Amino acid sequence: MQSVVLRFYVSEIQHHHNELMHEWLLRLAQRLEIPGGSAFRAIAGYGKHGRMHEETFFELAGNLAVAVEFILEAKDADRLMAAVVAEKLQLHYVRYAVESGTT
């Protein structure tokens, strides 16, 4: 089946409406009856600022990225993106076509 991956990148400490951003995105998708989504926490990375962030033993709440990913039909990706845009959020995202299915 032809599908779309829609992935948002947020900070693990970023909030929207008093909720962690990754949780808010997942709940929004649930309300839109998107069939599924997942959040993945990074273990290391850097952004446009060039500073490296890594999870360490001493770092309890850091600035690492969380990727919130959905594999869905293009029309559902459009609906989800429209709902995020309506909130006037400035989130980094990627969207690309994939083939998906179950063996």
PDB file of N, CA and C in Angstrom:
ATOM      1  N   MET A   1       0.839  -1.172   0.000  1.00  0.00           N
ATOM      2  CA  MET A   1       0.000   0.000   0.000  1.00  0.00           C
ATOM      3  C   MET A   1       0.890   1.243   0.000  1.00  0.00           C
ATOM      4  N   GLN A   2       0.537   2.222  -0.786  1.00  0.00           N
ATOM      5  CA  GLN A   2       1.281   3.484  -0.789  1.00  0.00           C
ATOM      6  C   GLN A   2       0.848   4.307   0.423  1.00  0.00           C
ATOM      7  N   SER A   3       1.811   4.739   1.195  1.00  0.00           N
ATOM      8  CA  SER A   3       1.558   5.502   2.411  1.00  0.00           C
ATOM      9  C   SER A   3       2.491   6.702   2.457  1.00  0.00           C
ATOM     10  N   VAL A   4       2.343   7.489   3.490  1.00  0.00           N
ATOM     11  CA  VAL A   4       3.177   8.658   3.746  1.00  0.00           C
ATOM     12  C   VAL A   4       3.713   8.541   5.161  1.00  0.00           C
ATOM     13  N   VAL A   5       4.977   8.881   5.342  1.00  0.00           N
ATOM     14  CA  VAL A   5       5.524   9.056   6.693  1.00  0.00           C
ATOM     15  C   VAL A   5       5.497  10.549   6.974  1.00  0.00           C
ATOM     16  N   LEU A   6       4.898  10.921   8.086  1.00  0.00           N
ATOM     17  CA  LEU A   6       4.904  12.304   8.557  1.00  0.00           C
ATOM     18  C   LEU A   6       5.568  12.277   9.921  1.00  0.00           C
ATOM     19  N   ARG A   7       6.732  12.935  10.008  1.00  0.00           N
ATOM     20  CA  ARG A   7       7.526  12.901  11.244  1.00  0.00           C
ATOM     21  C   ARG A   7       7.791  14.330  11.695  1.00  0.00           C
ATOM     22  N   PHE A   8       7.467  14.595  12.951  1.00  0.00           N
ATOM     23  CA  PHE A   8       7.729  15.887  13.571  1.00  0.00           C
ATOM     24  C   PHE A   8       8.904  15.732  14.531  1.00  0.00           C
ATOM     25  N   TYR A   9       9.745  16.759  14.613  1.00  0.00           N
ATOM     26  CA  TYR A   9      10.859  16.781  15.553  1.00  0.00           C
ATOM     27  C   TYR A   9      10.596  17.864  16.585  1.00  0.00           C
ATOM     28  N   VAL A  10      10.549  17.466  17.843  1.00  0.00           N
ATOM     29  CA  VAL A  10      10.296  18.403  18.936  1.00  0.00           C
ATOM     30  C   VAL A  10      11.333  18.179  20.034  1.00  0.00           C
ATOM     31  N   SER A  11      11.451  19.130  20.921  1.00  0.00           N
ATOM     32  CA  SER A  11      12.330  18.982  22.080  1.00  0.00           C
ATOM     33  C   SER A  11      11.605  18.154  23.136  1.00  0.00           C
ATOM     34  N   GLU A  12      12.353  17.360  23.874  1.00  0.00           N
ATOM     35  CA  GLU A  12      11.726  16.528  24.900  1.00  0.00           C
ATOM     36  C   GLU A  12      11.099  17.357  26.019  1.00  0.00           C
ATOM     37  N   ILE A  13      11.463  18.634  26.136  1.00  0.00           N
ATOM     38  CA  ILE A  13      10.884  19.486  27.183  1.00  0.00           C
ATOM     39  C   ILE A  13       9.905  20.516  26.626  1.00  0.00           C
ATOM     40  N   GLN A  14       9.645  20.462  25.319  1.00  0.00           N
ATOM     41  CA  GLN A  14       8.735  21.409  24.680  1.00  0.00           C
ATOM     42  C   GLN A  14       7.282  21.092  25.055  1.00  0.00           C
ATOM     43  N   HIS A  15       6.510  22.150  25.332  1.00  0.00           N
ATOM     44  CA  HIS A  15       5.108  21.997  25.739  1.00  0.00           C
ATOM     45  C   HIS A  15       4.170  22.746  24.801  1.00  0.00           C
ATOM     46  N   HIS A  16       2.918  22.306  24.800  1.00  0.00           N
ATOM     47  CA  HIS A  16       1.829  23.010  24.112  1.00  0.00           C
ATOM     48  C   HIS A  16       0.555  22.693  24.890  1.00  0.00           C
ATOM     49  N   HIS A  17      -0.195  23.715  25.253  1.00  0.00           N
ATOM     50  CA  HIS A  17      -1.418  23.548  26.068  1.00  0.00           C
ATOM     51  C   HIS A  17      -1.120  22.733  27.335  1.00  0.00           C
ATOM     52  N   ASN A  18      -0.051  23.079  28.025  1.00  0.00           N
ATOM     53  CA  ASN A  18       0.330  22.442  29.298  1.00  0.00           C
ATOM     54  C   ASN A  18       0.557  20.940  29.194  1.00  0.00           C
ATOM     55  N   GLU A  19       0.973  20.480  28.033  1.00  0.00           N
ATOM     56  CA  GLU A  19       1.243  19.067  27.805  1.00  0.00           C
ATOM     57  C   GLU A  19       2.548  18.962  27.025  1.00  0.00           C
ATOM     58  N   LEU A  20       3.307  17.908  27.273  1.00  0.00           N
ATOM     59  CA  LEU A  20       4.511  17.709  26.474  1.00  0.00           C
ATOM     60  C   LEU A  20       4.122  17.639  25.000  1.00  0.00           C
ATOM     61  N   MET A  21       4.903  18.288  24.154  1.00  0.00           N
ATOM     62  CA  MET A  21       4.555  18.410  22.750  1.00  0.00           C
ATOM     63  C   MET A  21       4.355  17.053  22.082  1.00  0.00           C
ATOM     64  N   HIS A  22       5.234  16.091  22.372  1.00  0.00           N
ATOM     65  CA  HIS A  22       5.074  14.792  21.721  1.00  0.00           C
ATOM     66  C   HIS A  22       3.773  14.117  22.146  1.00  0.00           C
ATOM     67  N   GLU A  23       3.386  14.291  23.403  1.00  0.00           N
ATOM     68  CA  GLU A  23       2.119  13.725  23.863  1.00  0.00           C
ATOM     69  C   GLU A  23       0.944  14.454  23.214  1.00  0.00           C
ATOM     70  N   TRP A  24       1.059  15.786  23.100  1.00  0.00           N
ATOM     71  CA  TRP A  24      -0.006  16.570  22.480  1.00  0.00           C
ATOM     72  C   TRP A  24      -0.211  16.141  21.031  1.00  0.00           C
ATOM     73  N   LEU A  25       0.885  15.943  20.285  1.00  0.00           N
ATOM     74  CA  LEU A  25       0.774  15.513  18.893  1.00  0.00           C
ATOM     75  C   LEU A  25       0.098  14.140  18.786  1.00  0.00           C
ATOM     76  N   LEU A  26       0.464  13.226  19.658  1.00  0.00           N
ATOM     77  CA  LEU A  26      -0.154  11.899  19.631  1.00  0.00           C
ATOM     78  C   LEU A  26      -1.642  11.974  19.973  1.00  0.00           C
ATOM     79  N   ARG A  27      -1.997  12.787  20.955  1.00  0.00           N
ATOM     80  CA  ARG A  27      -3.423  12.931  21.322  1.00  0.00           C
ATOM     81  C   ARG A  27      -4.214  13.608  20.199  1.00  0.00           C
ATOM     82  N   LEU A  28      -3.613  14.604  19.552  1.00  0.00           N
ATOM     83  CA  LEU A  28      -4.256  15.247  18.412  1.00  0.00           C
ATOM     84  C   LEU A  28      -4.548  14.214  17.327  1.00  0.00           C
ATOM     85  N   ALA A  29      -3.566  13.393  17.022  1.00  0.00           N
ATOM     86  CA  ALA A  29      -3.749  12.360  16.002  1.00  0.00           C
ATOM     87  C   ALA A  29      -4.855  11.379  16.403  1.00  0.00           C
ATOM     88  N   GLN A  30      -4.924  11.035  17.679  1.00  0.00           N
ATOM     89  CA  GLN A  30      -5.994  10.154  18.149  1.00  0.00           C
ATOM     90  C   GLN A  30      -7.362  10.795  17.924  1.00  0.00           C
ATOM     91  N   ARG A  31      -7.477  12.087  18.259  1.00  0.00           N
ATOM     92  CA  ARG A  31      -8.752  12.792  18.060  1.00  0.00           C
ATOM     93  C   ARG A  31      -9.145  12.830  16.588  1.00  0.00           C
ATOM     94  N   LEU A  32      -8.155  12.890  15.699  1.00  0.00           N
ATOM     95  CA  LEU A  32      -8.414  12.891  14.261  1.00  0.00           C
ATOM     96  C   LEU A  32      -8.601  11.477  13.704  1.00  0.00           C
ATOM     97  N   GLU A  33      -8.560  10.481  14.593  1.00  0.00           N
ATOM     98  CA  GLU A  33      -8.716   9.072  14.247  1.00  0.00           C
ATOM     99  C   GLU A  33      -7.653   8.574  13.276  1.00  0.00           C
ATOM    100  N   ILE A  34      -6.428   9.104  13.469  1.00  0.00           N
ATOM    101  CA  ILE A  34      -5.265   8.600  12.738  1.00  0.00           C
ATOM    102  C   ILE A  34      -4.973   7.210  13.304  1.00  0.00           C
ATOM    103  N   PRO A  35      -4.722   6.199  12.468  1.00  0.00           N
ATOM    104  CA  PRO A  35      -4.631   4.822  12.956  1.00  0.00           C
ATOM    105  C   PRO A  35      -3.470   4.505  13.901  1.00  0.00           C
ATOM    106  N   GLY A  36      -2.446   5.341  13.989  1.00  0.00           N
ATOM    107  CA  GLY A  36      -1.364   5.043  14.922  1.00  0.00           C
ATOM    108  C   GLY A  36      -0.239   6.041  14.800  1.00  0.00           C
ATOM    109  N   GLY A  37       0.543   6.144  15.846  1.00  0.00           N
ATOM    110  CA  GLY A  37       1.694   7.036  15.865  1.00  0.00           C
ATOM    111  C   GLY A  37       2.628   6.627  16.983  1.00  0.00           C
ATOM    112  N   SER A  38       3.877   7.035  16.885  1.00  0.00           N
ATOM    113  CA  SER A  38       4.879   6.681  17.893  1.00  0.00           C
ATOM    114  C   SER A  38       5.806   7.856  18.137  1.00  0.00           C
ATOM    115  N   ALA A  39       6.343   7.921  19.349  1.00  0.00           N
ATOM    116  CA  ALA A  39       7.343   8.932  19.706  1.00  0.00           C
ATOM    117  C   ALA A  39       8.646   8.210  20.035  1.00  0.00           C
ATOM    118  N   PHE A  40       9.754   8.708  19.472  1.00  0.00           N
ATOM    119  CA  PHE A  40      11.069   8.113  19.669  1.00  0.00           C
ATOM    120  C   PHE A  40      12.004   9.172  20.228  1.00  0.00           C
ATOM    121  N   ARG A  41      12.624   8.896  21.345  1.00  0.00           N
ATOM    122  CA  ARG A  41      13.542   9.842  21.981  1.00  0.00           C
ATOM    123  C   ARG A  41      14.956   9.611  21.475  1.00  0.00           C
ATOM    124  N   ALA A  42      15.629  10.687  21.113  1.00  0.00           N
ATOM    125  CA  ALA A  42      17.006  10.600  20.626  1.00  0.00           C
ATOM    126  C   ALA A  42      17.959  10.289  21.777  1.00  0.00           C
ATOM    127  N   ILE A  43      19.097   9.703  21.444  1.00  0.00           N
ATOM    128  CA  ILE A  43      20.138   9.497  22.449  1.00  0.00           C
ATOM    129  C   ILE A  43      21.276  10.493  22.272  1.00  0.00           C
ATOM    130  N   ALA A  44      21.364  11.106  21.083  1.00  0.00           N
ATOM    131  CA  ALA A  44      22.369  12.135  20.824  1.00  0.00           C
ATOM    132  C   ALA A  44      21.977  12.881  19.554  1.00  0.00           C
ATOM    133  N   GLY A  45      22.493  14.101  19.429  1.00  0.00           N
ATOM    134  CA  GLY A  45      22.238  14.854  18.210  1.00  0.00           C
ATOM    135  C   GLY A  45      22.641  16.305  18.349  1.00  0.00           C
ATOM    136  N   TYR A  46      22.533  17.035  17.233  1.00  0.00           N
ATOM    137  CA  TYR A  46      22.766  18.472  17.244  1.00  0.00           C
ATOM    138  C   TYR A  46      21.829  19.101  16.226  1.00  0.00           C
ATOM    139  N   GLY A  47      21.562  20.374  16.403  1.00  0.00           N
ATOM    140  CA  GLY A  47      20.668  21.095  15.510  1.00  0.00           C
ATOM    141  C   GLY A  47      21.386  22.223  14.818  1.00  0.00           C
ATOM    142  N   LYS A  48      20.599  23.195  14.325  1.00  0.00           N
ATOM    143  CA  LYS A  48      21.168  24.297  13.553  1.00  0.00           C
ATOM    144  C   LYS A  48      22.156  25.139  14.349  1.00  0.00           C
ATOM    145  N   HIS A  49      22.085  25.077  15.670  1.00  0.00           N
ATOM    146  CA  HIS A  49      23.000  25.833  16.536  1.00  0.00           C
ATOM    147  C   HIS A  49      24.381  25.192  16.608  1.00  0.00           C
ATOM    148  N   GLY A  50      24.483  23.911  16.241  1.00  0.00           N
ATOM    149  CA  GLY A  50      25.761  23.228  16.200  1.00  0.00           C
ATOM    150  C   GLY A  50      26.226  22.605  17.504  1.00  0.00           C
ATOM    151  N   ARG A  51      25.470  22.780  18.594  1.00  0.00           N
ATOM    152  CA  ARG A  51      25.856  22.190  19.879  1.00  0.00           C
ATOM    153  C   ARG A  51      25.426  20.728  19.949  1.00  0.00           C
ATOM    154  N   MET A  52      26.346  19.877  20.364  1.00  0.00           N
ATOM    155  CA  MET A  52      26.050  18.459  20.509  1.00  0.00           C
ATOM    156  C   MET A  52      25.323  18.236  21.836  1.00  0.00           C
ATOM    157  N   HIS A  53      24.271  17.447  21.790  1.00  0.00           N
ATOM    158  CA  HIS A  53      23.530  17.049  22.992  1.00  0.00           C
ATOM    159  C   HIS A  53      23.591  15.537  23.072  1.00  0.00           C
ATOM    160  N   GLU A  54      23.918  15.044  24.249  1.00  0.00           N
ATOM    161  CA  GLU A  54      23.956  13.607  24.461  1.00  0.00           C
ATOM    162  C   GLU A  54      23.350  13.290  25.803  1.00  0.00           C
ATOM    163  N   GLU A  55      22.720  12.125  25.871  1.00  0.00           N
ATOM    164  CA  GLU A  55      22.196  11.666  27.138  1.00  0.00           C
ATOM    165  C   GLU A  55      23.359  11.169  27.984  1.00  0.00           C
ATOM    166  N   THR A  56      23.448  11.667  29.192  1.00  0.00           N
ATOM    167  CA  THR A  56      24.484  11.218  30.114  1.00  0.00           C
ATOM    168  C   THR A  56      23.831  10.798  31.418  1.00  0.00           C
ATOM    169  N   PHE A  57      24.593  10.149  32.257  1.00  0.00           N
ATOM    170  CA  PHE A  57      24.089   9.702  33.548  1.00  0.00           C
ATOM    171  C   PHE A  57      23.592  10.884  34.378  1.00  0.00           C
ATOM    172  N   PHE A  58      24.266  12.043  34.262  1.00  0.00           N
ATOM    173  CA  PHE A  58      23.938  13.191  35.093  1.00  0.00           C
ATOM    174  C   PHE A  58      22.806  14.045  34.528  1.00  0.00           C
ATOM    175  N   GLU A  59      22.444  13.793  33.298  1.00  0.00           N
ATOM    176  CA  GLU A  59      21.420  14.608  32.645  1.00  0.00           C
ATOM    177  C   GLU A  59      20.050  13.978  32.858  1.00  0.00           C
ATOM    178  N   LEU A  60      19.248  14.590  33.706  1.00  0.00           N
ATOM    179  CA  LEU A  60      17.940  14.032  34.006  1.00  0.00           C
ATOM    180  C   LEU A  60      16.884  14.495  33.013  1.00  0.00           C
ATOM    181  N   ALA A  61      16.860  15.769  32.693  1.00  0.00           N
ATOM    182  CA  ALA A  61      15.912  16.300  31.711  1.00  0.00           C
ATOM    183  C   ALA A  61      16.697  17.173  30.757  1.00  0.00           C
ATOM    184  N   GLY A  62      16.908  16.680  29.561  1.00  0.00           N
ATOM    185  CA  GLY A  62      17.779  17.391  28.643  1.00  0.00           C
ATOM    186  C   GLY A  62      17.045  18.044  27.500  1.00  0.00           C
ATOM    187  N   ASN A  63      17.831  18.421  26.514  1.00  0.00           N
ATOM    188  CA  ASN A  63      17.310  19.095  25.333  1.00  0.00           C
ATOM    189  C   ASN A  63      17.396  18.203  24.106  1.00  0.00           C
ATOM    190  N   LEU A  64      17.256  16.915  24.292  1.00  0.00           N
ATOM    191  CA  LEU A  64      17.313  16.004  23.161  1.00  0.00           C
ATOM    192  C   LEU A  64      16.010  16.036  22.378  1.00  0.00           C
ATOM    193  N   ALA A  65      16.091  15.588  21.147  1.00  0.00           N
ATOM    194  CA  ALA A  65      14.921  15.593  20.265  1.00  0.00           C
ATOM    195  C   ALA A  65      14.039  14.374  20.515  1.00  0.00           C
ATOM    196  N   VAL A  66      12.777  14.567  20.218  1.00  0.00           N
ATOM    197  CA  VAL A  66      11.815  13.477  20.165  1.00  0.00           C
ATOM    198  C   VAL A  66      11.218  13.506  18.759  1.00  0.00           C
ATOM    199  N   ALA A  67      11.262  12.391  18.075  1.00  0.00           N
ATOM    200  CA  ALA A  67      10.628  12.272  16.766  1.00  0.00           C
ATOM    201  C   ALA A  67       9.258  11.646  16.968  1.00  0.00           C
ATOM    202  N   VAL A  68       8.232  12.312  16.464  1.00  0.00           N
ATOM    203  CA  VAL A  68       6.862  11.802  16.556  1.00  0.00           C
ATOM    204  C   VAL A  68       6.467  11.418  15.139  1.00  0.00           C
ATOM    205  N   GLU A  69       6.231  10.134  14.924  1.00  0.00           N
ATOM    206  CA  GLU A  69       6.105   9.610  13.570  1.00  0.00           C
ATOM    207  C   GLU A  69       4.763   8.933  13.337  1.00  0.00           C
ATOM    208  N   PHE A  70       4.235   9.188  12.150  1.00  0.00           N
ATOM    209  CA  PHE A  70       2.982   8.583  11.723  1.00  0.00           C
ATOM    210  C   PHE A  70       3.186   7.999  10.334  1.00  0.00           C
ATOM    211  N   ILE A  71       2.668   6.794  10.098  1.00  0.00           N
ATOM    212  CA  ILE A  71       2.638   6.196   8.764  1.00  0.00           C
ATOM    213  C   ILE A  71       1.163   6.106   8.409  1.00  0.00           C
ATOM    214  N   LEU A  72       0.758   6.860   7.393  1.00  0.00           N
ATOM    215  CA  LEU A  72      -0.663   7.029   7.141  1.00  0.00           C
ATOM    216  C   LEU A  72      -0.929   7.355   5.684  1.00  0.00           C
ATOM    217  N   GLU A  73      -2.188   7.403   5.321  1.00  0.00           N
ATOM    218  CA  GLU A  73      -2.570   7.791   3.969  1.00  0.00           C
ATOM    219  C   GLU A  73      -2.334   9.285   3.792  1.00  0.00           C
ATOM    220  N   ALA A  74      -2.078   9.699   2.557  1.00  0.00           N
ATOM    221  CA  ALA A  74      -1.768  11.102   2.265  1.00  0.00           C
ATOM    222  C   ALA A  74      -2.868  12.039   2.741  1.00  0.00           C
ATOM    223  N   LYS A  75      -4.127  11.656   2.572  1.00  0.00           N
ATOM    224  CA  LYS A  75      -5.230  12.531   2.998  1.00  0.00           C
ATOM    225  C   LYS A  75      -5.237  12.714   4.517  1.00  0.00           C
ATOM    226  N   ASP A  76      -4.860  11.677   5.254  1.00  0.00           N
ATOM    227  CA  ASP A  76      -4.786  11.786   6.712  1.00  0.00           C
ATOM    228  C   ASP A  76      -3.586  12.640   7.133  1.00  0.00           C
ATOM    229  N   ALA A  77      -2.485  12.514   6.395  1.00  0.00           N
ATOM    230  CA  ALA A  77      -1.317  13.365   6.669  1.00  0.00           C
ATOM    231  C   ALA A  77      -1.682  14.827   6.439  1.00  0.00           C
ATOM    232  N   ASP A  78      -2.455  15.104   5.394  1.00  0.00           N
ATOM    233  CA  ASP A  78      -2.904  16.472   5.126  1.00  0.00           C
ATOM    234  C   ASP A  78      -3.772  17.001   6.265  1.00  0.00           C
ATOM    235  N   ARG A  79      -4.681  16.165   6.770  1.00  0.00           N
ATOM    236  CA  ARG A  79      -5.556  16.583   7.877  1.00  0.00           C
ATOM    237  C   ARG A  79      -4.758  16.865   9.141  1.00  0.00           C
ATOM    238  N   LEU A  80      -3.801  15.987   9.445  1.00  0.00           N
ATOM    239  CA  LEU A  80      -2.981  16.173  10.641  1.00  0.00           C
ATOM    240  C   LEU A  80      -2.129  17.432  10.513  1.00  0.00           C
ATOM    241  N   MET A  81      -1.528  17.625   9.361  1.00  0.00           N
ATOM    242  CA  MET A  81      -0.706  18.813   9.150  1.00  0.00           C
ATOM    243  C   MET A  81      -1.552  20.077   9.260  1.00  0.00           C
ATOM    244  N   ALA A  82      -2.750  20.082   8.709  1.00  0.00           N
ATOM    245  CA  ALA A  82      -3.636  21.245   8.790  1.00  0.00           C
ATOM    246  C   ALA A  82      -3.990  21.567  10.242  1.00  0.00           C
ATOM    247  N   ALA A  83      -4.210  20.545  11.058  1.00  0.00           N
ATOM    248  CA  ALA A  83      -4.534  20.756  12.468  1.00  0.00           C
ATOM    249  C   ALA A  83      -3.345  21.353  13.220  1.00  0.00           C
ATOM    250  N   VAL A  84      -2.136  20.910  12.895  1.00  0.00           N
ATOM    251  CA  VAL A  84      -0.931  21.465  13.534  1.00  0.00           C
ATOM    252  C   VAL A  84      -0.735  22.914  13.097  1.00  0.00           C
ATOM    253  N   VAL A  85      -0.891  23.193  11.803  1.00  0.00           N
ATOM    254  CA  VAL A  85      -0.743  24.552  11.283  1.00  0.00           C
ATOM    255  C   VAL A  85      -1.781  25.480  11.921  1.00  0.00           C
ATOM    256  N   ALA A  86      -2.989  24.997  12.135  1.00  0.00           N
ATOM    257  CA  ALA A  86      -4.050  25.806  12.744  1.00  0.00           C
ATOM    258  C   ALA A  86      -3.689  26.254  14.157  1.00  0.00           C
ATOM    259  N   GLU A  87      -2.833  25.497  14.826  1.00  0.00           N
ATOM    260  CA  GLU A  87      -2.380  25.850  16.179  1.00  0.00           C
ATOM    261  C   GLU A  87      -1.259  26.884  16.145  1.00  0.00           C
ATOM    262  N   LYS A  88      -0.822  27.272  14.942  1.00  0.00           N
ATOM    263  CA  LYS A  88       0.249  28.253  14.748  1.00  0.00           C
ATOM    264  C   LYS A  88       1.562  27.802  15.396  1.00  0.00           C
ATOM    265  N   LEU A  89       1.813  26.504  15.328  1.00  0.00           N
ATOM    266  CA  LEU A  89       3.054  25.938  15.846  1.00  0.00           C
ATOM    267  C   LEU A  89       4.116  25.986  14.760  1.00  0.00           C
ATOM    268  N   GLN A  90       5.351  26.160  15.172  1.00  0.00           N
ATOM    269  CA  GLN A  90       6.472  26.112  14.244  1.00  0.00           C
ATOM    270  C   GLN A  90       7.298  24.877  14.572  1.00  0.00           C
ATOM    271  N   LEU A  91       6.928  23.767  13.969  1.00  0.00           N
ATOM    272  CA  LEU A  91       7.593  22.501  14.220  1.00  0.00           C
ATOM    273  C   LEU A  91       8.325  22.044  12.970  1.00  0.00           C
ATOM    274  N   HIS A  92       9.506  21.479  13.171  1.00  0.00           N
ATOM    275  CA  HIS A  92      10.243  20.884  12.060  1.00  0.00           C
ATOM    276  C   HIS A  92       9.590  19.545  11.739  1.00  0.00           C
ATOM    277  N   TYR A  93       9.470  19.251  10.453  1.00  0.00           N
ATOM    278  CA  TYR A  93       8.871  17.989  10.045  1.00  0.00           C
ATOM    279  C   TYR A  93       9.482  17.507   8.737  1.00  0.00           C
ATOM    280  N   VAL A  94       9.289  16.223   8.473  1.00  0.00           N
ATOM    281  CA  VAL A  94       9.593  15.639   7.170  1.00  0.00           C
ATOM    282  C   VAL A  94       8.382  14.814   6.760  1.00  0.00           C
ATOM    283  N   ARG A  95       8.180  14.755   5.458  1.00  0.00           N
ATOM    284  CA  ARG A  95       7.080  13.972   4.900  1.00  0.00           C
ATOM    285  C   ARG A  95       7.613  13.324   3.635  1.00  0.00           C
ATOM    286  N   TYR A  96       7.395  12.025   3.510  1.00  0.00           N
ATOM    287  CA  TYR A  96       7.840  11.341   2.313  1.00  0.00           C
ATOM    288  C   TYR A  96       6.980  10.104   2.062  1.00  0.00           C
ATOM    289  N   ALA A  97       6.927   9.683   0.805  1.00  0.00           N
ATOM    290  CA  ALA A  97       6.150   8.527   0.397  1.00  0.00           C
ATOM    291  C   ALA A  97       6.900   7.237   0.733  1.00  0.00           C
ATOM    292  N   VAL A  98       6.144   6.244   1.171  1.00  0.00           N
ATOM    293  CA  VAL A  98       6.709   4.924   1.474  1.00  0.00           C
ATOM    294  C   VAL A  98       5.710   3.859   1.044  1.00  0.00           C
ATOM    295  N   GLU A  99       6.190   2.665   0.950  1.00  0.00           N
ATOM    296  CA  GLU A  99       5.306   1.529   0.774  1.00  0.00           C
ATOM    297  C   GLU A  99       5.207   0.843   2.124  1.00  0.00           C
ATOM    298  N   SER A 100       4.001   0.544   2.564  1.00  0.00           N
ATOM    299  CA  SER A 100       3.829  -0.100   3.859  1.00  0.00           C
ATOM    300  C   SER A 100       2.852  -1.262   3.730  1.00  0.00           C
ATOM    301  N   GLY A 101       2.917  -2.165   4.669  1.00  0.00           N
ATOM    302  CA  GLY A 101       2.017  -3.293   4.652  1.00  0.00           C
ATOM    303  C   GLY A 101       2.328  -4.252   5.784  1.00  0.00           C
ATOM    304  N   THR A 102       1.686  -5.361   5.770  1.00  0.00           N
ATOM    305  CA  THR A 102       1.890  -6.399   6.768  1.00  0.00           C
ATOM    306  C   THR A 102       2.192  -7.697   6.031  1.00  0.00           C
ATOM    307  N   THR A 103       3.187  -8.425   6.498  1.00  0.00           N
ATOM    308  CA  THR A 103       3.536  -9.699   5.844  1.00  0.00           C
ATOM    309  C   THR A 103       2.589 -10.791   6.248  1.00  0.00           C
TER     310      THR A 103
END
